[in-house]
Amino acid sequence: PGVRLDHWDYELLKRTALRHGTYYRLDRIGR
């Protein structure tokens, strides 16, 4: 019947964080 998992959409979560949360970009050295 399938394993039910929540779908965490990249674009939607990004927009939500920009409006209601906190946004960071991660660089190659982990900052």
Full PDB file with SEQRES, HELIX, SHEET, SSBOND, CRYST1, ORIGX, SCALE, CONECT and MASTER records, all heavy atoms in Angstrom:
SEQRES   1 A   31  PRO GLY VAL ARG LEU ASP HIS TRP ASP TYR GLU LEU LEU          
SEQRES   2 A   31  LYS ARG THR ALA LEU ARG HIS GLY THR TYR TYR ARG LEU          
SEQRES   3 A   31  ASP ARG ILE GLY ARG                                          
HELIX    1 AA1 TYR A   10  HIS A   20  1                                  11    
CRYST1    1.000    1.000    1.000  90.00  90.00  90.00 P 1           1          
ORIGX1      1.000000  0.000000  0.000000        0.00000                         
ORIGX2      0.000000  1.000000  0.000000        0.00000                         
ORIGX3      0.000000  0.000000  1.000000        0.00000                         
SCALE1      1.000000  0.000000  0.000000        0.00000                         
SCALE2      0.000000  1.000000  0.000000        0.00000                         
SCALE3      0.000000  0.000000  1.000000        0.00000                         
ATOM      1  N   PRO A   1       0.793  -1.231   0.000  1.00  0.00           N  
ATOM      2  CA  PRO A   1       0.000   0.000   0.000  1.00  0.00           C  
ATOM      3  C   PRO A   1       0.822   1.276   0.000  1.00  0.00           C  
ATOM      4  O   PRO A   1       0.266   2.362  -0.096  1.00  0.00           O  
ATOM      5  CB  PRO A   1      -0.809  -0.122   1.292  1.00  0.00           C  
ATOM      6  CG  PRO A   1       0.086  -0.884   2.204  1.00  0.00           C  
ATOM      7  CD  PRO A   1       0.813  -1.873   1.332  1.00  0.00           C  
ATOM      8  N   GLY A   2       2.137   1.149   0.145  1.00  0.00           N  
ATOM      9  CA  GLY A   2       2.990   2.321   0.146  1.00  0.00           C  
ATOM     10  C   GLY A   2       3.307   2.805   1.554  1.00  0.00           C  
ATOM     11  O   GLY A   2       2.502   2.655   2.473  1.00  0.00           O  
ATOM     12  N   VAL A   3       4.508   3.374   1.713  1.00  0.00           N  
ATOM     13  CA  VAL A   3       4.912   3.959   2.990  1.00  0.00           C  
ATOM     14  C   VAL A   3       4.566   5.444   2.942  1.00  0.00           C  
ATOM     15  O   VAL A   3       5.091   6.190   2.124  1.00  0.00           O  
ATOM     16  CB  VAL A   3       6.424   3.767   3.235  1.00  0.00           C  
ATOM     17  CG1 VAL A   3       6.829   4.420   4.554  1.00  0.00           C  
ATOM     18  CG2 VAL A   3       6.773   2.290   3.255  1.00  0.00           C  
ATOM     19  N   ARG A   4       3.668   5.863   3.810  1.00  0.00           N  
ATOM     20  CA  ARG A   4       3.221   7.254   3.799  1.00  0.00           C  
ATOM     21  C   ARG A   4       4.242   8.148   4.499  1.00  0.00           C  
ATOM     22  O   ARG A   4       4.561   7.953   5.662  1.00  0.00           O  
ATOM     23  CB  ARG A   4       1.859   7.395   4.480  1.00  0.00           C  
ATOM     24  CG  ARG A   4       1.265   8.791   4.382  1.00  0.00           C  
ATOM     25  CD  ARG A   4      -0.069   8.873   5.112  1.00  0.00           C  
ATOM     26  NE  ARG A   4       0.085   8.676   6.550  1.00  0.00           N  
ATOM     27  CZ  ARG A   4       0.444   9.641   7.404  1.00  0.00           C  
ATOM     28  NH1 ARG A   4       0.721  10.854   6.946  1.00  0.00           N  
ATOM     29  NH2 ARG A   4       0.562   9.376   8.691  1.00  0.00           N  
ATOM     30  N   LEU A   5       4.756   9.107   3.758  1.00  0.00           N  
ATOM     31  CA  LEU A   5       5.684  10.087   4.305  1.00  0.00           C  
ATOM     32  C   LEU A   5       5.179  11.487   4.008  1.00  0.00           C  
ATOM     33  O   LEU A   5       4.591  11.736   2.949  1.00  0.00           O  
ATOM     34  CB  LEU A   5       7.082   9.918   3.690  1.00  0.00           C  
ATOM     35  CG  LEU A   5       7.807   8.603   3.956  1.00  0.00           C  
ATOM     36  CD1 LEU A   5       9.121   8.572   3.191  1.00  0.00           C  
ATOM     37  CD2 LEU A   5       8.057   8.410   5.446  1.00  0.00           C  
ATOM     38  N   ASP A   6       5.408  12.408   4.942  1.00  0.00           N  
ATOM     39  CA  ASP A   6       5.062  13.799   4.680  1.00  0.00           C  
ATOM     40  C   ASP A   6       5.958  14.350   3.579  1.00  0.00           C  
ATOM     41  O   ASP A   6       7.151  14.029   3.514  1.00  0.00           O  
ATOM     42  CB  ASP A   6       5.239  14.642   5.943  1.00  0.00           C  
ATOM     43  CG  ASP A   6       4.240  14.281   7.027  1.00  0.00           C  
ATOM     44  OD1 ASP A   6       3.176  13.758   6.676  1.00  0.00           O  
ATOM     45  OD2 ASP A   6       4.539  14.512   8.212  1.00  0.00           O  
ATOM     46  N   HIS A   7       5.392  15.181   2.719  1.00  0.00           N  
ATOM     47  CA  HIS A   7       6.155  15.800   1.631  1.00  0.00           C  
ATOM     48  C   HIS A   7       6.581  17.199   2.058  1.00  0.00           C  
ATOM     49  O   HIS A   7       5.745  18.057   2.286  1.00  0.00           O  
ATOM     50  CB  HIS A   7       5.311  15.866   0.366  1.00  0.00           C  
ATOM     51  CG  HIS A   7       6.036  16.510  -0.789  1.00  0.00           C  
ATOM     52  ND1 HIS A   7       7.199  15.988  -1.326  1.00  0.00           N  
ATOM     53  CD2 HIS A   7       5.779  17.638  -1.487  1.00  0.00           C  
ATOM     54  CE1 HIS A   7       7.619  16.755  -2.307  1.00  0.00           C  
ATOM     55  NE2 HIS A   7       6.773  17.772  -2.424  1.00  0.00           N  
ATOM     56  N   TRP A   8       7.869  17.393   2.170  1.00  0.00           N  
ATOM     57  CA  TRP A   8       8.419  18.693   2.575  1.00  0.00           C  
ATOM     58  C   TRP A   8       8.948  19.390   1.323  1.00  0.00           C  
ATOM     59  O   TRP A   8      10.073  19.182   0.906  1.00  0.00           O  
ATOM     60  CB  TRP A   8       9.516  18.498   3.635  1.00  0.00           C  
ATOM     61  CG  TRP A   8       8.925  18.077   4.945  1.00  0.00           C  
ATOM     62  CD1 TRP A   8       8.297  16.900   5.232  1.00  0.00           C  
ATOM     63  CD2 TRP A   8       8.874  18.850   6.140  1.00  0.00           C  
ATOM     64  NE1 TRP A   8       7.856  16.887   6.529  1.00  0.00           N  
ATOM     65  CE2 TRP A   8       8.199  18.069   7.114  1.00  0.00           C  
ATOM     66  CE3 TRP A   8       9.339  20.123   6.483  1.00  0.00           C  
ATOM     67  CZ2 TRP A   8       7.973  18.525   8.408  1.00  0.00           C  
ATOM     68  CZ3 TRP A   8       9.121  20.577   7.778  1.00  0.00           C  
ATOM     69  CH2 TRP A   8       8.439  19.778   8.728  1.00  0.00           C  
ATOM     70  N   ASP A   9       8.093  20.217   0.738  1.00  0.00           N  
ATOM     71  CA  ASP A   9       8.407  20.871  -0.528  1.00  0.00           C  
ATOM     72  C   ASP A   9       9.448  21.974  -0.339  1.00  0.00           C  
ATOM     73  O   ASP A   9       9.301  22.846   0.530  1.00  0.00           O  
ATOM     74  CB  ASP A   9       7.128  21.453  -1.126  1.00  0.00           C  
ATOM     75  CG  ASP A   9       7.366  22.119  -2.455  1.00  0.00           C  
ATOM     76  OD1 ASP A   9       7.509  21.398  -3.456  1.00  0.00           O  
ATOM     77  OD2 ASP A   9       7.436  23.369  -2.478  1.00  0.00           O  
ATOM     78  N   TYR A  10      10.488  21.935  -1.158  1.00  0.00           N  
ATOM     79  CA  TYR A  10      11.607  22.880  -1.026  1.00  0.00           C  
ATOM     80  C   TYR A  10      11.144  24.330  -1.157  1.00  0.00           C  
ATOM     81  O   TYR A  10      11.408  25.171  -0.283  1.00  0.00           O  
ATOM     82  CB  TYR A  10      12.671  22.546  -2.074  1.00  0.00           C  
ATOM     83  CG  TYR A  10      13.775  23.572  -2.206  1.00  0.00           C  
ATOM     84  CD1 TYR A  10      14.870  23.559  -1.351  1.00  0.00           C  
ATOM     85  CD2 TYR A  10      13.714  24.563  -3.184  1.00  0.00           C  
ATOM     86  CE1 TYR A  10      15.884  24.502  -1.465  1.00  0.00           C  
ATOM     87  CE2 TYR A  10      14.723  25.512  -3.314  1.00  0.00           C  
ATOM     88  CZ  TYR A  10      15.798  25.474  -2.445  1.00  0.00           C  
ATOM     89  OH  TYR A  10      16.792  26.417  -2.568  1.00  0.00           O  
ATOM     90  N   GLU A  11      10.463  24.651  -2.244  1.00  0.00           N  
ATOM     91  CA  GLU A  11      10.078  26.038  -2.497  1.00  0.00           C  
ATOM     92  C   GLU A  11       9.085  26.547  -1.460  1.00  0.00           C  
ATOM     93  O   GLU A  11       9.191  27.687  -0.979  1.00  0.00           O  
ATOM     94  CB  GLU A  11       9.507  26.181  -3.906  1.00  0.00           C  
ATOM     95  CG  GLU A  11      10.506  25.920  -5.027  1.00  0.00           C  
ATOM     96  CD  GLU A  11      11.596  26.988  -5.112  1.00  0.00           C  
ATOM     97  OE1 GLU A  11      11.465  28.034  -4.424  1.00  0.00           O  
ATOM     98  OE2 GLU A  11      12.563  26.780  -5.844  1.00  0.00           O  
ATOM     99  N   LEU A  12       8.125  25.725  -1.091  1.00  0.00           N  
ATOM    100  CA  LEU A  12       7.127  26.142  -0.104  1.00  0.00           C  
ATOM    101  C   LEU A  12       7.766  26.401   1.251  1.00  0.00           C  
ATOM    102  O   LEU A  12       7.479  27.414   1.914  1.00  0.00           O  
ATOM    103  CB  LEU A  12       6.035  25.083   0.005  1.00  0.00           C  
ATOM    104  CG  LEU A  12       4.952  25.348   1.053  1.00  0.00           C  
ATOM    105  CD1 LEU A  12       4.233  26.651   0.765  1.00  0.00           C  
ATOM    106  CD2 LEU A  12       3.965  24.182   1.108  1.00  0.00           C  
ATOM    107  N   LEU A  13       8.642  25.504   1.683  1.00  0.00           N  
ATOM    108  CA  LEU A  13       9.309  25.690   2.974  1.00  0.00           C  
ATOM    109  C   LEU A  13      10.209  26.917   2.958  1.00  0.00           C  
ATOM    110  O   LEU A  13      10.303  27.653   3.944  1.00  0.00           O  
ATOM    111  CB  LEU A  13      10.121  24.439   3.322  1.00  0.00           C  
ATOM    112  CG  LEU A  13       9.329  23.256   3.856  1.00  0.00           C  
ATOM    113  CD1 LEU A  13      10.204  22.023   3.928  1.00  0.00           C  
ATOM    114  CD2 LEU A  13       8.766  23.575   5.241  1.00  0.00           C  
ATOM    115  N   LYS A  14      10.864  27.152   1.842  1.00  0.00           N  
ATOM    116  CA  LYS A  14      11.731  28.316   1.727  1.00  0.00           C  
ATOM    117  C   LYS A  14      10.923  29.607   1.856  1.00  0.00           C  
ATOM    118  O   LYS A  14      11.302  30.519   2.605  1.00  0.00           O  
ATOM    119  CB  LYS A  14      12.477  28.264   0.385  1.00  0.00           C  
ATOM    120  CG  LYS A  14      13.574  29.299   0.216  1.00  0.00           C  
ATOM    121  CD  LYS A  14      14.356  28.985  -1.063  1.00  0.00           C  
ATOM    122  CE  LYS A  14      15.527  29.924  -1.263  1.00  0.00           C  
ATOM    123  NZ  LYS A  14      16.332  29.553  -2.440  1.00  0.00           N  
ATOM    124  N   ARG A  15       9.804  29.680   1.154  1.00  0.00           N  
ATOM    125  CA  ARG A  15       8.950  30.869   1.241  1.00  0.00           C  
ATOM    126  C   ARG A  15       8.396  31.041   2.655  1.00  0.00           C  
ATOM    127  O   ARG A  15       8.311  32.162   3.172  1.00  0.00           O  
ATOM    128  CB  ARG A  15       7.803  30.766   0.237  1.00  0.00           C  
ATOM    129  CG  ARG A  15       8.211  30.863  -1.211  1.00  0.00           C  
ATOM    130  CD  ARG A  15       7.008  31.154  -2.105  1.00  0.00           C  
ATOM    131  NE  ARG A  15       5.945  30.175  -1.963  1.00  0.00           N  
ATOM    132  CZ  ARG A  15       5.844  29.073  -2.706  1.00  0.00           C  
ATOM    133  NH1 ARG A  15       6.774  28.801  -3.640  1.00  0.00           N  
ATOM    134  NH2 ARG A  15       4.838  28.241  -2.535  1.00  0.00           N  
ATOM    135  N   THR A  16       8.014  29.927   3.282  1.00  0.00           N  
ATOM    136  CA  THR A  16       7.477  30.003   4.634  1.00  0.00           C  
ATOM    137  C   THR A  16       8.522  30.510   5.622  1.00  0.00           C  
ATOM    138  O   THR A  16       8.224  31.329   6.499  1.00  0.00           O  
ATOM    139  CB  THR A  16       6.962  28.622   5.082  1.00  0.00           C  
ATOM    140  OG1 THR A  16       5.990  28.150   4.142  1.00  0.00           O  
ATOM    141  CG2 THR A  16       6.322  28.690   6.458  1.00  0.00           C  
ATOM    142  N   ALA A  17       9.760  30.051   5.477  1.00  0.00           N  
ATOM    143  CA  ALA A  17      10.831  30.503   6.363  1.00  0.00           C  
ATOM    144  C   ALA A  17      11.126  31.985   6.156  1.00  0.00           C  
ATOM    145  O   ALA A  17      11.380  32.728   7.114  1.00  0.00           O  
ATOM    146  CB  ALA A  17      12.090  29.677   6.133  1.00  0.00           C  
ATOM    147  N   LEU A  18      11.101  32.433   4.920  1.00  0.00           N  
ATOM    148  CA  LEU A  18      11.355  33.848   4.643  1.00  0.00           C  
ATOM    149  C   LEU A  18      10.265  34.735   5.243  1.00  0.00           C  
ATOM    150  O   LEU A  18      10.523  35.888   5.600  1.00  0.00           O  
ATOM    151  CB  LEU A  18      11.451  34.071   3.130  1.00  0.00           C  
ATOM    152  CG  LEU A  18      12.683  33.458   2.453  1.00  0.00           C  
ATOM    153  CD1 LEU A  18      12.571  33.552   0.937  1.00  0.00           C  
ATOM    154  CD2 LEU A  18      13.962  34.152   2.927  1.00  0.00           C  
ATOM    155  N   ARG A  19       9.066  34.198   5.365  1.00  0.00           N  
ATOM    156  CA  ARG A  19       7.946  34.979   5.902  1.00  0.00           C  
ATOM    157  C   ARG A  19       7.784  34.817   7.404  1.00  0.00           C  
ATOM    158  O   ARG A  19       7.514  35.788   8.116  1.00  0.00           O  
ATOM    159  CB  ARG A  19       6.658  34.567   5.185  1.00  0.00           C  
ATOM    160  CG  ARG A  19       5.430  35.345   5.632  1.00  0.00           C  
ATOM    161  CD  ARG A  19       4.195  34.909   4.850  1.00  0.00           C  
ATOM    162  NE  ARG A  19       3.008  35.609   5.305  1.00  0.00           N  
ATOM    163  CZ  ARG A  19       1.779  35.368   4.871  1.00  0.00           C  
ATOM    164  NH1 ARG A  19       1.577  34.430   3.955  1.00  0.00           N  
ATOM    165  NH2 ARG A  19       0.750  36.044   5.346  1.00  0.00           N  
ATOM    166  N   HIS A  20       7.938  33.585   7.909  1.00  0.00           N  
ATOM    167  CA  HIS A  20       7.607  33.315   9.307  1.00  0.00           C  
ATOM    168  C   HIS A  20       8.789  32.802  10.131  1.00  0.00           C  
ATOM    169  O   HIS A  20       8.635  32.631  11.345  1.00  0.00           O  
ATOM    170  CB  HIS A  20       6.485  32.271   9.385  1.00  0.00           C  
ATOM    171  CG  HIS A  20       5.206  32.692   8.740  1.00  0.00           C  
ATOM    172  ND1 HIS A  20       4.380  33.658   9.271  1.00  0.00           N  
ATOM    173  CD2 HIS A  20       4.616  32.286   7.586  1.00  0.00           C  
ATOM    174  CE1 HIS A  20       3.325  33.819   8.488  1.00  0.00           C  
ATOM    175  NE2 HIS A  20       3.440  32.994   7.460  1.00  0.00           N  
ATOM    176  N   GLY A  21       9.913  32.515   9.504  1.00  0.00           N  
ATOM    177  CA  GLY A  21      11.016  31.903  10.236  1.00  0.00           C  
ATOM    178  C   GLY A  21      12.340  32.588   9.981  1.00  0.00           C  
ATOM    179  O   GLY A  21      12.422  33.809   9.839  1.00  0.00           O  
ATOM    180  N   THR A  22      13.387  31.769   9.891  1.00  0.00           N  
ATOM    181  CA  THR A  22      14.754  32.259   9.703  1.00  0.00           C  
ATOM    182  C   THR A  22      15.380  31.515   8.535  1.00  0.00           C  
ATOM    183  O   THR A  22      15.210  30.297   8.409  1.00  0.00           O  
ATOM    184  CB  THR A  22      15.598  32.027  10.975  1.00  0.00           C  
ATOM    185  OG1 THR A  22      14.931  32.615  12.094  1.00  0.00           O  
ATOM    186  CG2 THR A  22      16.976  32.647  10.830  1.00  0.00           C  
ATOM    187  N   TYR A  23      16.112  32.258   7.710  1.00  0.00           N  
ATOM    188  CA  TYR A  23      16.731  31.676   6.516  1.00  0.00           C  
ATOM    189  C   TYR A  23      18.243  31.856   6.572  1.00  0.00           C  
ATOM    190  O   TYR A  23      18.740  32.944   6.880  1.00  0.00           O  
ATOM    191  CB  TYR A  23      16.189  32.358   5.256  1.00  0.00           C  
ATOM    192  CG  TYR A  23      16.902  31.937   3.972  1.00  0.00           C  
ATOM    193  CD1 TYR A  23      16.416  30.887   3.205  1.00  0.00           C  
ATOM    194  CD2 TYR A  23      18.067  32.585   3.547  1.00  0.00           C  
ATOM    195  CE1 TYR A  23      17.061  30.490   2.037  1.00  0.00           C  
ATOM    196  CE2 TYR A  23      18.721  32.197   2.389  1.00  0.00           C  
ATOM    197  CZ  TYR A  23      18.217  31.161   1.636  1.00  0.00           C  
ATOM    198  OH  TYR A  23      18.868  30.769   0.493  1.00  0.00           O  
ATOM    199  N   TYR A  24      18.984  30.775   6.261  1.00  0.00           N  
ATOM    200  CA  TYR A  24      20.438  30.831   6.099  1.00  0.00           C  
ATOM    201  C   TYR A  24      20.807  30.035   4.851  1.00  0.00           C  
ATOM    202  O   TYR A  24      20.118  29.096   4.469  1.00  0.00           O  
ATOM    203  CB  TYR A  24      21.171  30.193   7.288  1.00  0.00           C  
ATOM    204  CG  TYR A  24      20.987  30.882   8.613  1.00  0.00           C  
ATOM    205  CD1 TYR A  24      20.108  30.352   9.561  1.00  0.00           C  
ATOM    206  CD2 TYR A  24      21.684  32.042   8.927  1.00  0.00           C  
ATOM    207  CE1 TYR A  24      19.936  30.965  10.795  1.00  0.00           C  
ATOM    208  CE2 TYR A  24      21.517  32.658  10.153  1.00  0.00           C  
ATOM    209  CZ  TYR A  24      20.638  32.126  11.082  1.00  0.00           C  
ATOM    210  OH  TYR A  24      20.463  32.727  12.291  1.00  0.00           O  
ATOM    211  N   ARG A  25      21.919  30.434   4.261  1.00  0.00           N  
ATOM    212  CA  ARG A  25      22.527  29.615   3.208  1.00  0.00           C  
ATOM    213  C   ARG A  25      23.788  28.995   3.786  1.00  0.00           C  
ATOM    214  O   ARG A  25      24.568  29.658   4.471  1.00  0.00           O  
ATOM    215  CB  ARG A  25      22.865  30.462   1.975  1.00  0.00           C  
ATOM    216  CG  ARG A  25      23.498  29.656   0.835  1.00  0.00           C  
ATOM    217  CD  ARG A  25      23.795  30.548  -0.366  1.00  0.00           C  
ATOM    218  NE  ARG A  25      24.623  31.688  -0.026  1.00  0.00           N  
ATOM    219  CZ  ARG A  25      25.958  31.642   0.114  1.00  0.00           C  
ATOM    220  NH1 ARG A  25      26.593  30.502  -0.062  1.00  0.00           N  
ATOM    221  NH2 ARG A  25      26.632  32.719   0.413  1.00  0.00           N  
ATOM    222  N   LEU A  26      23.991  27.704   3.507  1.00  0.00           N  
ATOM    223  CA  LEU A  26      25.138  26.959   4.018  1.00  0.00           C  
ATOM    224  C   LEU A  26      26.250  26.960   2.978  1.00  0.00           C  
ATOM    225  O   LEU A  26      25.996  26.681   1.808  1.00  0.00           O  
ATOM    226  CB  LEU A  26      24.718  25.520   4.324  1.00  0.00           C  
ATOM    227  CG  LEU A  26      25.745  24.564   4.934  1.00  0.00           C  
ATOM    228  CD1 LEU A  26      26.157  25.037   6.316  1.00  0.00           C  
ATOM    229  CD2 LEU A  26      25.153  23.151   5.012  1.00  0.00           C  
ATOM    230  N   ASP A  27      27.478  27.308   3.388  1.00  0.00           N  
ATOM    231  CA  ASP A  27      28.571  27.299   2.415  1.00  0.00           C  
ATOM    232  C   ASP A  27      29.344  25.980   2.482  1.00  0.00           C  
ATOM    233  O   ASP A  27      29.024  25.072   3.257  1.00  0.00           O  
ATOM    234  CB  ASP A  27      29.495  28.515   2.590  1.00  0.00           C  
ATOM    235  CG  ASP A  27      30.248  28.530   3.921  1.00  0.00           C  
ATOM    236  OD1 ASP A  27      30.418  27.455   4.525  1.00  0.00           O  
ATOM    237  OD2 ASP A  27      30.669  29.619   4.359  1.00  0.00           O  
ATOM    238  N   ARG A  28      30.380  25.887   1.661  1.00  0.00           N  
ATOM    239  CA  ARG A  28      31.132  24.626   1.539  1.00  0.00           C  
ATOM    240  C   ARG A  28      31.913  24.270   2.794  1.00  0.00           C  
ATOM    241  O   ARG A  28      32.276  23.109   2.995  1.00  0.00           O  
ATOM    242  CB  ARG A  28      32.089  24.718   0.356  1.00  0.00           C  
ATOM    243  CG  ARG A  28      31.405  24.808  -1.017  1.00  0.00           C  
ATOM    244  CD  ARG A  28      30.790  23.493  -1.421  1.00  0.00           C  
ATOM    245  NE  ARG A  28      30.203  23.538  -2.768  1.00  0.00           N  
ATOM    246  CZ  ARG A  28      29.496  22.546  -3.292  1.00  0.00           C  
ATOM    247  NH1 ARG A  28      29.286  21.437  -2.613  1.00  0.00           N  
ATOM    248  NH2 ARG A  28      28.989  22.661  -4.518  1.00  0.00           N  
ATOM    249  N   ILE A  29      32.218  25.258   3.637  1.00  0.00           N  
ATOM    250  CA  ILE A  29      32.990  24.971   4.852  1.00  0.00           C  
ATOM    251  C   ILE A  29      32.096  24.892   6.083  1.00  0.00           C  
ATOM    252  O   ILE A  29      32.580  24.821   7.209  1.00  0.00           O  
ATOM    253  CB  ILE A  29      34.119  25.995   5.066  1.00  0.00           C  
ATOM    254  CG1 ILE A  29      33.552  27.402   5.258  1.00  0.00           C  
ATOM    255  CG2 ILE A  29      35.090  25.957   3.898  1.00  0.00           C  
ATOM    256  CD1 ILE A  29      34.625  28.426   5.657  1.00  0.00           C  
ATOM    257  N   GLY A  30      30.779  24.903   5.874  1.00  0.00           N  
ATOM    258  CA  GLY A  30      29.857  24.671   6.967  1.00  0.00           C  
ATOM    259  C   GLY A  30      29.424  25.888   7.737  1.00  0.00           C  
ATOM    260  O   GLY A  30      28.836  25.764   8.818  1.00  0.00           O  
ATOM    261  N   ARG A  31      29.668  27.094   7.214  1.00  0.00           N  
ATOM    262  CA  ARG A  31      29.203  28.308   7.880  1.00  0.00           C  
ATOM    263  C   ARG A  31      27.872  28.764   7.293  1.00  0.00           C  
ATOM    264  O   ARG A  31      27.544  28.459   6.150  1.00  0.00           O  
ATOM    265  CB  ARG A  31      30.248  29.422   7.780  1.00  0.00           C  
ATOM    266  CG  ARG A  31      31.453  29.169   8.702  1.00  0.00           C  
ATOM    267  CD  ARG A  31      32.462  30.297   8.649  1.00  0.00           C  
ATOM    268  NE  ARG A  31      33.487  30.124   9.661  1.00  0.00           N  
ATOM    269  CZ  ARG A  31      33.558  30.795  10.803  1.00  0.00           C  
ATOM    270  NH1 ARG A  31      32.645  31.708  11.085  1.00  0.00           N  
ATOM    271  NH2 ARG A  31      34.538  30.589  11.660  1.00  0.00           N  
TER     272      ARG A  31                                                      
MASTER        0    0    0    1    0    0    0    6  271    1    0    3          
END                                                                             
